[in-house]
N, C-alpha and C. Protein backbone atom coordinates (compact mmCIF):
# COMPACT_ATOMS: atom_id res chain seq x y z
N MET A 1 107.43 73.84 69.45
CA MET A 1 106.20 74.63 69.35
C MET A 1 104.98 73.72 69.38
N GLY A 2 105.13 72.47 68.99
CA GLY A 2 104.00 71.55 68.99
C GLY A 2 103.39 71.35 70.37
N THR A 3 104.24 71.22 71.38
CA THR A 3 103.75 71.07 72.75
C THR A 3 103.03 72.33 73.19
N SER A 4 103.58 73.48 72.86
CA SER A 4 102.95 74.76 73.23
C SER A 4 101.56 74.88 72.63
N LEU A 5 101.43 74.54 71.37
CA LEU A 5 100.12 74.63 70.71
C LEU A 5 99.13 73.65 71.33
N PHE A 6 99.58 72.44 71.59
CA PHE A 6 98.71 71.42 72.18
C PHE A 6 98.19 71.86 73.55
N ILE A 7 99.09 72.31 74.41
CA ILE A 7 98.69 72.74 75.75
C ILE A 7 97.82 74.00 75.67
N ALA A 8 98.15 74.92 74.77
CA ALA A 8 97.35 76.14 74.61
C ALA A 8 95.93 75.80 74.19
N ARG A 9 95.78 74.83 73.32
CA ARG A 9 94.43 74.41 72.89
C ARG A 9 93.64 73.83 74.06
N ILE A 10 94.28 72.96 74.84
CA ILE A 10 93.60 72.35 75.98
C ILE A 10 93.18 73.41 76.99
N PHE A 11 94.15 74.20 77.45
CA PHE A 11 93.83 75.21 78.47
C PHE A 11 92.94 76.30 77.92
N GLY A 12 93.14 76.68 76.67
CA GLY A 12 92.30 77.71 76.07
C GLY A 12 90.83 77.32 76.07
N LEU A 13 90.52 76.15 75.58
CA LEU A 13 89.12 75.71 75.53
C LEU A 13 88.55 75.52 76.93
N CYS A 14 89.34 74.92 77.83
CA CYS A 14 88.86 74.73 79.21
C CYS A 14 88.62 76.06 79.90
N TYR A 15 89.55 77.00 79.77
CA TYR A 15 89.38 78.31 80.40
C TYR A 15 88.21 79.08 79.80
N LEU A 16 87.96 78.92 78.51
CA LEU A 16 86.78 79.56 77.91
C LEU A 16 85.50 79.07 78.59
N VAL A 17 85.37 77.77 78.72
CA VAL A 17 84.18 77.19 79.34
C VAL A 17 84.07 77.60 80.80
N ILE A 18 85.18 77.52 81.53
CA ILE A 18 85.16 77.90 82.94
C ILE A 18 84.83 79.37 83.11
N GLY A 19 85.42 80.22 82.30
CA GLY A 19 85.16 81.66 82.38
C GLY A 19 83.70 81.99 82.11
N ILE A 20 83.14 81.37 81.10
CA ILE A 20 81.71 81.58 80.79
C ILE A 20 80.86 81.07 81.96
N GLY A 21 81.22 79.91 82.49
CA GLY A 21 80.49 79.37 83.64
C GLY A 21 80.53 80.30 84.83
N PHE A 22 81.70 80.85 85.13
CA PHE A 22 81.83 81.80 86.24
C PHE A 22 80.92 83.00 86.03
N LEU A 23 80.89 83.51 84.82
CA LEU A 23 80.12 84.74 84.56
C LEU A 23 78.62 84.49 84.48
N VAL A 24 78.23 83.37 83.94
CA VAL A 24 76.81 83.07 83.76
C VAL A 24 76.17 82.54 85.05
N ASN A 25 76.93 81.79 85.82
CA ASN A 25 76.40 81.14 87.03
C ASN A 25 77.20 81.53 88.27
N ARG A 26 77.40 82.82 88.48
CA ARG A 26 78.25 83.27 89.59
C ARG A 26 77.78 82.75 90.94
N LYS A 27 76.50 82.84 91.22
CA LYS A 27 75.98 82.41 92.53
C LYS A 27 76.21 80.91 92.74
N THR A 28 75.99 80.14 91.70
CA THR A 28 76.19 78.70 91.79
C THR A 28 77.65 78.37 92.06
N PHE A 29 78.55 79.02 91.34
CA PHE A 29 79.97 78.76 91.53
C PHE A 29 80.44 79.23 92.90
N GLN A 30 79.87 80.32 93.41
CA GLN A 30 80.22 80.76 94.76
C GLN A 30 79.80 79.71 95.78
N GLN A 31 78.64 79.12 95.59
CA GLN A 31 78.19 78.07 96.51
C GLN A 31 79.06 76.82 96.38
N ILE A 32 79.48 76.52 95.19
CA ILE A 32 80.37 75.38 94.98
C ILE A 32 81.67 75.59 95.76
N ILE A 33 82.20 76.79 95.73
CA ILE A 33 83.43 77.09 96.46
C ILE A 33 83.22 76.94 97.96
N VAL A 34 82.08 77.42 98.46
CA VAL A 34 81.76 77.29 99.89
C VAL A 34 81.71 75.81 100.27
N ASP A 35 80.99 75.01 99.49
CA ASP A 35 80.88 73.58 99.76
C ASP A 35 82.24 72.88 99.64
N PHE A 36 82.99 73.28 98.63
CA PHE A 36 84.30 72.70 98.36
C PHE A 36 85.23 72.89 99.55
N CYS A 37 85.23 74.08 100.15
CA CYS A 37 86.11 74.37 101.28
C CYS A 37 85.76 73.57 102.52
N LYS A 38 84.53 73.08 102.59
CA LYS A 38 84.10 72.28 103.74
C LYS A 38 84.50 70.81 103.61
N ASN A 39 84.91 70.38 102.42
CA ASN A 39 85.18 68.97 102.16
C ASN A 39 86.69 68.75 102.01
N THR A 40 87.32 68.21 103.04
CA THR A 40 88.76 68.02 103.02
C THR A 40 89.22 67.03 101.95
N ALA A 41 88.40 66.04 101.66
CA ALA A 41 88.78 65.07 100.61
C ALA A 41 88.83 65.76 99.25
N LEU A 42 87.86 66.63 98.98
CA LEU A 42 87.88 67.37 97.71
C LEU A 42 89.06 68.32 97.64
N MET A 43 89.37 68.96 98.77
CA MET A 43 90.53 69.85 98.82
C MET A 43 91.81 69.06 98.50
N PHE A 44 91.93 67.88 99.09
CA PHE A 44 93.10 67.05 98.82
C PHE A 44 93.18 66.69 97.34
N LEU A 45 92.06 66.25 96.76
CA LEU A 45 92.06 65.88 95.34
C LEU A 45 92.38 67.07 94.45
N ALA A 46 91.86 68.24 94.79
CA ALA A 46 92.16 69.44 93.99
C ALA A 46 93.64 69.78 94.08
N GLY A 47 94.20 69.66 95.28
CA GLY A 47 95.63 69.92 95.43
C GLY A 47 96.47 68.93 94.66
N LEU A 48 96.08 67.67 94.72
CA LEU A 48 96.79 66.63 93.99
C LEU A 48 96.70 66.87 92.49
N LEU A 49 95.51 67.19 92.00
CA LEU A 49 95.34 67.45 90.57
C LEU A 49 96.17 68.65 90.12
N ALA A 50 96.12 69.74 90.89
CA ALA A 50 96.91 70.92 90.55
C ALA A 50 98.40 70.59 90.53
N LEU A 51 98.84 69.84 91.52
CA LEU A 51 100.25 69.45 91.61
C LEU A 51 100.67 68.60 90.42
N VAL A 52 99.86 67.62 90.07
CA VAL A 52 100.19 66.71 88.97
C VAL A 52 100.19 67.46 87.63
N VAL A 53 99.14 68.24 87.37
CA VAL A 53 99.07 68.98 86.11
C VAL A 53 100.21 70.00 86.03
N GLY A 54 100.44 70.70 87.13
CA GLY A 54 101.54 71.67 87.14
C GLY A 54 102.88 71.00 86.88
N THR A 55 103.10 69.86 87.52
CA THR A 55 104.36 69.14 87.33
C THR A 55 104.51 68.65 85.89
N ILE A 56 103.44 68.14 85.32
CA ILE A 56 103.50 67.68 83.92
C ILE A 56 103.86 68.83 83.00
N ILE A 57 103.25 69.98 83.21
CA ILE A 57 103.56 71.13 82.36
C ILE A 57 105.01 71.57 82.57
N ILE A 58 105.45 71.64 83.82
CA ILE A 58 106.82 72.05 84.11
C ILE A 58 107.82 71.11 83.44
N LEU A 59 107.56 69.80 83.54
CA LEU A 59 108.50 68.83 82.98
C LEU A 59 108.48 68.79 81.45
N SER A 60 107.33 69.10 80.84
CA SER A 60 107.25 69.02 79.38
C SER A 60 107.36 70.39 78.71
N HIS A 61 107.20 71.47 79.49
CA HIS A 61 107.16 72.79 78.86
C HIS A 61 107.67 73.86 79.83
N ASN A 62 108.88 73.74 80.29
CA ASN A 62 109.48 74.74 81.15
C ASN A 62 110.29 75.69 80.28
N VAL A 63 109.57 76.50 79.51
CA VAL A 63 110.17 77.35 78.49
C VAL A 63 110.05 78.81 78.91
N TRP A 64 111.19 79.42 79.21
CA TRP A 64 111.20 80.83 79.63
C TRP A 64 111.76 81.66 78.48
N VAL A 65 110.87 82.05 77.57
CA VAL A 65 111.26 82.85 76.41
C VAL A 65 110.36 84.08 76.34
N ALA A 66 110.78 85.03 75.53
CA ALA A 66 110.04 86.29 75.42
C ALA A 66 108.98 86.20 74.32
N ASN A 67 108.09 85.22 74.43
CA ASN A 67 106.93 85.16 73.54
C ASN A 67 105.75 84.53 74.28
N TRP A 68 104.67 84.30 73.59
CA TRP A 68 103.43 83.87 74.24
C TRP A 68 103.54 82.51 74.94
N THR A 69 104.47 81.67 74.54
CA THR A 69 104.55 80.33 75.12
C THR A 69 104.93 80.35 76.60
N VAL A 70 105.48 81.46 77.08
CA VAL A 70 105.81 81.56 78.49
C VAL A 70 104.54 81.54 79.35
N ILE A 71 103.40 81.90 78.77
CA ILE A 71 102.13 81.85 79.49
C ILE A 71 101.87 80.42 79.98
N ILE A 72 102.16 79.46 79.15
CA ILE A 72 101.93 78.05 79.50
C ILE A 72 102.86 77.64 80.65
N THR A 73 104.10 78.07 80.57
CA THR A 73 105.05 77.77 81.65
C THR A 73 104.58 78.39 82.96
N ILE A 74 104.11 79.61 82.92
CA ILE A 74 103.62 80.29 84.12
C ILE A 74 102.40 79.56 84.69
N ILE A 75 101.49 79.12 83.83
CA ILE A 75 100.34 78.35 84.28
C ILE A 75 100.80 77.07 84.97
N GLY A 76 101.79 76.41 84.41
CA GLY A 76 102.33 75.19 85.02
C GLY A 76 102.90 75.45 86.40
N TRP A 77 103.70 76.49 86.53
CA TRP A 77 104.29 76.81 87.83
C TRP A 77 103.23 77.24 88.83
N LEU A 78 102.24 78.01 88.39
CA LEU A 78 101.16 78.40 89.30
C LEU A 78 100.36 77.19 89.77
N GLY A 79 100.12 76.24 88.87
CA GLY A 79 99.42 75.01 89.26
C GLY A 79 100.23 74.21 90.26
N PHE A 80 101.53 74.12 90.02
CA PHE A 80 102.41 73.40 90.95
C PHE A 80 102.39 74.06 92.33
N ILE A 81 102.53 75.38 92.35
CA ILE A 81 102.53 76.12 93.62
C ILE A 81 101.18 75.98 94.32
N LYS A 82 100.10 76.07 93.57
CA LYS A 82 98.76 75.90 94.15
C LYS A 82 98.62 74.51 94.77
N GLY A 83 99.07 73.49 94.07
CA GLY A 83 99.00 72.13 94.59
C GLY A 83 99.80 71.97 95.88
N VAL A 84 101.00 72.53 95.89
CA VAL A 84 101.84 72.47 97.10
C VAL A 84 101.14 73.19 98.25
N LEU A 85 100.60 74.38 97.98
CA LEU A 85 99.92 75.16 99.02
C LEU A 85 98.75 74.38 99.62
N ILE A 86 97.93 73.78 98.76
CA ILE A 86 96.76 73.04 99.24
C ILE A 86 97.17 71.79 100.02
N LEU A 87 98.18 71.08 99.53
CA LEU A 87 98.57 69.82 100.18
C LEU A 87 99.40 70.03 101.44
N VAL A 88 100.21 71.06 101.47
CA VAL A 88 101.09 71.28 102.62
C VAL A 88 100.43 72.17 103.67
N PHE A 89 99.64 73.14 103.22
CA PHE A 89 98.99 74.09 104.12
C PHE A 89 97.48 74.15 103.84
N PRO A 90 96.75 73.05 104.05
CA PRO A 90 95.34 73.02 103.66
C PRO A 90 94.48 74.06 104.40
N ALA A 91 94.73 74.30 105.67
CA ALA A 91 93.92 75.27 106.41
C ALA A 91 94.12 76.68 105.85
N THR A 92 95.36 77.01 105.52
CA THR A 92 95.65 78.32 104.93
C THR A 92 94.99 78.45 103.56
N ALA A 93 95.03 77.38 102.78
CA ALA A 93 94.41 77.40 101.45
C ALA A 93 92.90 77.62 101.56
N VAL A 94 92.27 76.98 102.53
CA VAL A 94 90.82 77.16 102.74
C VAL A 94 90.52 78.60 103.13
N LYS A 95 91.28 79.15 104.08
CA LYS A 95 91.05 80.52 104.52
C LYS A 95 91.26 81.51 103.38
N LEU A 96 92.30 81.31 102.60
CA LEU A 96 92.57 82.20 101.46
C LEU A 96 91.45 82.11 100.43
N THR A 97 91.00 80.91 100.13
CA THR A 97 89.91 80.71 99.18
C THR A 97 88.63 81.36 99.67
N GLN A 98 88.30 81.16 100.95
CA GLN A 98 87.09 81.77 101.50
C GLN A 98 87.18 83.28 101.48
N LEU A 99 88.32 83.83 101.80
CA LEU A 99 88.50 85.27 101.81
C LEU A 99 88.30 85.86 100.42
N CYS A 100 88.89 85.23 99.43
CA CYS A 100 88.77 85.72 98.06
C CYS A 100 87.34 85.63 97.55
N HIS A 101 86.66 84.55 97.86
CA HIS A 101 85.34 84.32 97.28
C HIS A 101 84.20 84.98 98.05
N LYS A 102 84.50 85.59 99.18
CA LYS A 102 83.48 86.38 99.87
C LYS A 102 83.23 87.69 99.14
N ASN A 103 84.24 88.14 98.43
CA ASN A 103 84.14 89.37 97.66
C ASN A 103 83.55 89.05 96.28
N GLU A 104 82.34 89.52 96.02
CA GLU A 104 81.67 89.20 94.76
C GLU A 104 82.39 89.79 93.56
N ASN A 105 83.03 90.95 93.74
CA ASN A 105 83.79 91.56 92.64
C ASN A 105 84.98 90.71 92.25
N PHE A 106 85.62 90.08 93.23
CA PHE A 106 86.75 89.20 92.95
C PHE A 106 86.30 88.06 92.02
N PHE A 107 85.15 87.51 92.29
CA PHE A 107 84.64 86.40 91.49
C PHE A 107 84.33 86.86 90.07
N LEU A 108 83.78 88.05 89.92
CA LEU A 108 83.49 88.61 88.60
C LEU A 108 84.78 88.85 87.83
N VAL A 109 85.75 89.47 88.49
CA VAL A 109 87.03 89.75 87.84
C VAL A 109 87.73 88.45 87.45
N ARG A 110 87.69 87.47 88.34
CA ARG A 110 88.31 86.18 88.04
C ARG A 110 87.66 85.54 86.80
N GLY A 111 86.35 85.61 86.71
CA GLY A 111 85.67 85.07 85.54
C GLY A 111 86.09 85.76 84.26
N ILE A 112 86.21 87.08 84.31
CA ILE A 112 86.61 87.85 83.14
C ILE A 112 88.05 87.51 82.74
N VAL A 113 88.94 87.45 83.73
CA VAL A 113 90.35 87.13 83.46
C VAL A 113 90.48 85.74 82.86
N VAL A 114 89.78 84.77 83.43
CA VAL A 114 89.84 83.39 82.92
C VAL A 114 89.28 83.33 81.50
N LEU A 115 88.19 84.05 81.24
CA LEU A 115 87.60 84.07 79.90
C LEU A 115 88.57 84.68 78.89
N ILE A 116 89.19 85.79 79.24
CA ILE A 116 90.15 86.44 78.32
C ILE A 116 91.35 85.54 78.08
N LEU A 117 91.89 84.95 79.16
CA LEU A 117 93.02 84.04 79.01
C LEU A 117 92.64 82.85 78.13
N GLY A 118 91.43 82.34 78.31
CA GLY A 118 90.95 81.25 77.47
C GLY A 118 90.85 81.65 76.02
N ALA A 119 90.34 82.84 75.76
CA ALA A 119 90.21 83.32 74.38
C ALA A 119 91.60 83.49 73.74
N VAL A 120 92.53 84.06 74.49
CA VAL A 120 93.89 84.27 73.96
C VAL A 120 94.56 82.93 73.67
N LEU A 121 94.50 82.00 74.62
CA LEU A 121 95.15 80.71 74.42
C LEU A 121 94.48 79.91 73.30
N THR A 122 93.17 79.99 73.21
CA THR A 122 92.47 79.29 72.13
C THR A 122 92.89 79.87 70.78
N TYR A 123 92.91 81.18 70.68
CA TYR A 123 93.31 81.82 69.43
C TYR A 123 94.74 81.40 69.06
N LEU A 124 95.66 81.54 70.02
CA LEU A 124 97.06 81.21 69.74
C LEU A 124 97.24 79.73 69.44
N GLY A 125 96.51 78.88 70.14
CA GLY A 125 96.63 77.44 69.94
C GLY A 125 96.12 76.96 68.59
N PHE A 126 95.05 77.60 68.11
CA PHE A 126 94.45 77.15 66.85
C PHE A 126 94.82 78.01 65.65
N PHE A 127 95.05 79.30 65.87
CA PHE A 127 95.24 80.21 64.74
C PHE A 127 96.55 80.98 64.79
N GLY A 128 97.23 80.95 65.93
CA GLY A 128 98.46 81.74 66.09
C GLY A 128 99.64 81.09 65.43
N VAL A 129 100.74 81.77 65.55
CA VAL A 129 101.99 81.29 64.94
C VAL A 129 102.68 80.32 65.86
């Protein structure tokens, strides 16, 4: 449980900040995504980071149980898959990212989801069982 709490605290606090940033500065973050998709070096680094973080979580916390800690495992696998997608199929990743971020509602919903996930993980990491 110690690893679960540690990872929940890290992701919870980071997701809280990111979610607030998405909601408060939507236009800025949309422009960041546009610029990001134009820079292949940044795409490569993002894919590498997602792959490494996902792999670290999978190797240290591949726990498939019927409680909240499975959220961390799912985040790890999603990060791993995202990293593979970006590194193996960069053009597809760019097109998918551009398609999603052209829709302003998608960006709003993503911000809300990230904020809620951050709040849940922060609560569970610091105050949960």
